Amino acid sequence: MIQLAQELGVKTDTDEIIITDSQMVKLLEKSGVDTSQIMLPRRDGVTKIISRGRGSWDVYISATWIQNYYWVLGAAAGVIAAIAPGIGWGLAYSIVASVAGLVGQNSKNGVIVRVRNWGISSMSYQ
């Protein structure tokens, strides 16, 4: 997954990982997810994962991601866990499940999830 992400132009070796919605769709497809229901807008949103060190991250999830991918939580969590070293599948799943539960398909704004000491400390709209 990391190799494919890098081939798509995602830099996975920094403290700030930025993945566009179209890159996410390609990674989900490679994970075996049927993405035929996903309709991307003309402009790509971005999901950004910033490592703050010692079990802490800020995860910015785009509104487009929320509107289109919330129904593939496990696969999306797998992508995030694979490209963000140290975050782990369980925490990544908690992040995407919390965001999906918060906004579902009705979000016009992205969400920032703040993880501190391996737990979600807060969420807010961008």
Protein backbone atom coordinates (compact mmCIF):
# COMPACT_ATOMS: atom_id res chain seq x y z
CA MET A 1 0.00 0.00 0.00
CA ILE A 2 2.82 2.40 0.85
CA GLN A 3 4.57 1.66 -2.44
CA LEU A 4 1.36 2.28 -4.41
CA ALA A 5 0.72 5.49 -2.48
CA GLN A 6 4.23 6.67 -3.32
CA GLU A 7 3.70 5.79 -7.00
CA LEU A 8 0.57 7.97 -6.91
CA GLY A 9 2.63 10.86 -5.56
CA VAL A 10 1.78 10.60 -1.85
CA LYS A 11 4.80 11.43 0.30
CA THR A 12 4.71 8.92 3.14
CA ASP A 13 8.11 9.62 4.68
CA THR A 14 7.36 12.96 6.35
CA ASP A 15 5.50 14.12 9.46
CA GLU A 16 2.78 15.54 7.17
CA ILE A 17 1.07 13.15 4.76
CA ILE A 18 -1.33 14.67 2.25
CA ILE A 19 -3.55 12.46 0.12
CA THR A 20 -6.03 13.79 -2.42
CA ASP A 21 -9.48 12.31 -2.80
CA SER A 22 -8.63 10.89 -6.22
CA GLN A 23 -5.51 9.21 -4.78
CA MET A 24 -7.66 7.79 -1.97
CA VAL A 25 -10.11 6.34 -4.51
CA LYS A 26 -7.25 4.64 -6.38
CA LEU A 27 -5.90 3.18 -3.13
CA LEU A 28 -9.36 1.95 -2.15
CA GLU A 29 -9.73 0.31 -5.58
CA LYS A 30 -6.41 -1.47 -5.12
CA SER A 31 -7.69 -2.67 -1.74
CA GLY A 32 -10.57 -4.38 -3.53
CA VAL A 33 -13.28 -1.82 -2.76
CA ASP A 34 -15.97 -1.20 -5.37
CA THR A 35 -15.70 2.56 -5.86
CA SER A 36 -18.24 2.82 -8.69
CA GLN A 37 -20.63 4.73 -6.40
CA ILE A 38 -18.07 7.41 -5.59
CA MET A 39 -18.53 10.58 -7.58
CA LEU A 40 -15.64 12.98 -7.19
CA PRO A 41 -16.23 16.70 -7.66
CA ARG A 42 -14.20 18.74 -10.12
CA ARG A 43 -11.83 19.84 -7.39
CA ASP A 44 -10.00 17.30 -5.23
CA GLY A 45 -10.25 17.66 -1.51
CA VAL A 46 -7.36 16.51 0.64
CA THR A 47 -6.97 14.40 3.73
CA LYS A 48 -3.96 15.42 5.76
CA ILE A 49 -2.31 13.45 8.56
CA ILE A 50 0.16 15.40 10.70
CA SER A 51 2.26 13.54 13.23
CA ARG A 52 2.69 15.47 16.48
CA GLY A 53 4.90 12.74 17.99
CA ARG A 54 4.37 10.35 20.91
CA GLY A 55 1.01 8.93 19.86
CA SER A 56 -0.43 12.24 18.70
CA TRP A 57 -1.75 13.26 15.28
CA ASP A 58 -4.01 15.84 13.70
CA VAL A 59 -6.09 14.23 10.96
CA TYR A 60 -7.85 16.60 8.56
CA ILE A 61 -10.52 14.73 6.60
CA SER A 62 -11.97 16.43 3.53
CA ALA A 63 -15.70 17.06 3.16
CA THR A 64 -15.64 15.10 -0.12
CA TRP A 65 -14.15 12.12 1.71
CA ILE A 66 -16.88 12.33 4.33
CA GLN A 67 -19.64 12.56 1.73
CA ASN A 68 -18.36 9.70 -0.43
CA TYR A 69 -16.29 7.20 1.53
CA TYR A 70 -17.90 7.00 4.96
CA TRP A 71 -19.55 3.69 3.94
CA VAL A 72 -16.18 1.96 3.41
CA LEU A 73 -14.84 2.60 6.92
CA GLY A 74 -12.69 -0.51 7.22
CA ALA A 75 -10.96 -0.04 3.88
CA ALA A 76 -10.40 3.68 4.41
CA ALA A 77 -9.01 3.01 7.88
CA GLY A 78 -6.69 0.43 6.34
CA VAL A 79 -5.39 2.98 3.84
CA ILE A 80 -4.79 5.59 6.56
CA ALA A 81 -3.10 3.04 8.84
CA ALA A 82 -0.89 1.82 6.00
CA ILE A 83 0.35 5.23 4.88
CA ALA A 84 0.65 6.86 8.33
CA PRO A 85 3.26 4.89 10.26
CA GLY A 86 2.42 4.34 13.89
CA ILE A 87 -1.25 5.28 13.75
CA GLY A 88 -2.43 1.65 13.58
CA TRP A 89 -5.62 0.18 12.15
CA GLY A 90 -7.65 0.34 15.38
CA LEU A 91 -7.01 4.04 15.91
CA ALA A 92 -7.51 4.81 12.20
CA TYR A 93 -10.85 2.96 12.31
CA SER A 94 -11.90 4.91 15.42
CA ILE A 95 -11.09 8.15 13.61
CA VAL A 96 -13.07 7.40 10.45
CA ALA A 97 -15.97 5.83 12.38
CA SER A 98 -16.21 8.87 14.66
CA VAL A 99 -16.20 11.23 11.70
CA ALA A 100 -18.82 9.16 9.85
CA GLY A 101 -20.99 9.08 12.97
CA LEU A 102 -20.64 12.82 13.41
CA VAL A 103 -21.54 13.95 9.92
CA GLY A 104 -22.69 11.15 7.59
CA GLN A 105 -23.48 12.36 4.09
CA ASN A 106 -24.60 15.84 5.07
CA SER A 107 -21.28 17.54 5.72
CA LYS A 108 -20.36 20.63 3.75
CA ASN A 109 -17.12 20.99 5.73
CA GLY A 110 -14.23 18.73 6.48
CA VAL A 111 -13.39 17.59 9.99
CA ILE A 112 -10.25 17.84 12.08
CA VAL A 113 -9.68 14.94 14.46
CA ARG A 114 -7.08 15.55 17.15
CA VAL A 115 -5.46 12.45 18.60
CA ARG A 116 -3.42 12.82 21.76
CA ASN A 117 -1.75 9.98 23.64
CA TRP A 118 -3.29 7.37 21.33
CA GLY A 119 -6.87 8.54 21.89
CA ILE A 120 -9.22 10.95 20.15
CA SER A 121 -9.15 14.15 22.17
CA SER A 122 -11.39 16.37 20.04
CA MET A 123 -13.12 16.80 16.69
CA SER A 124 -14.21 19.99 14.98
CA TYR A 125 -15.31 21.21 11.57
CA GLN A 126 -12.75 22.87 9.33
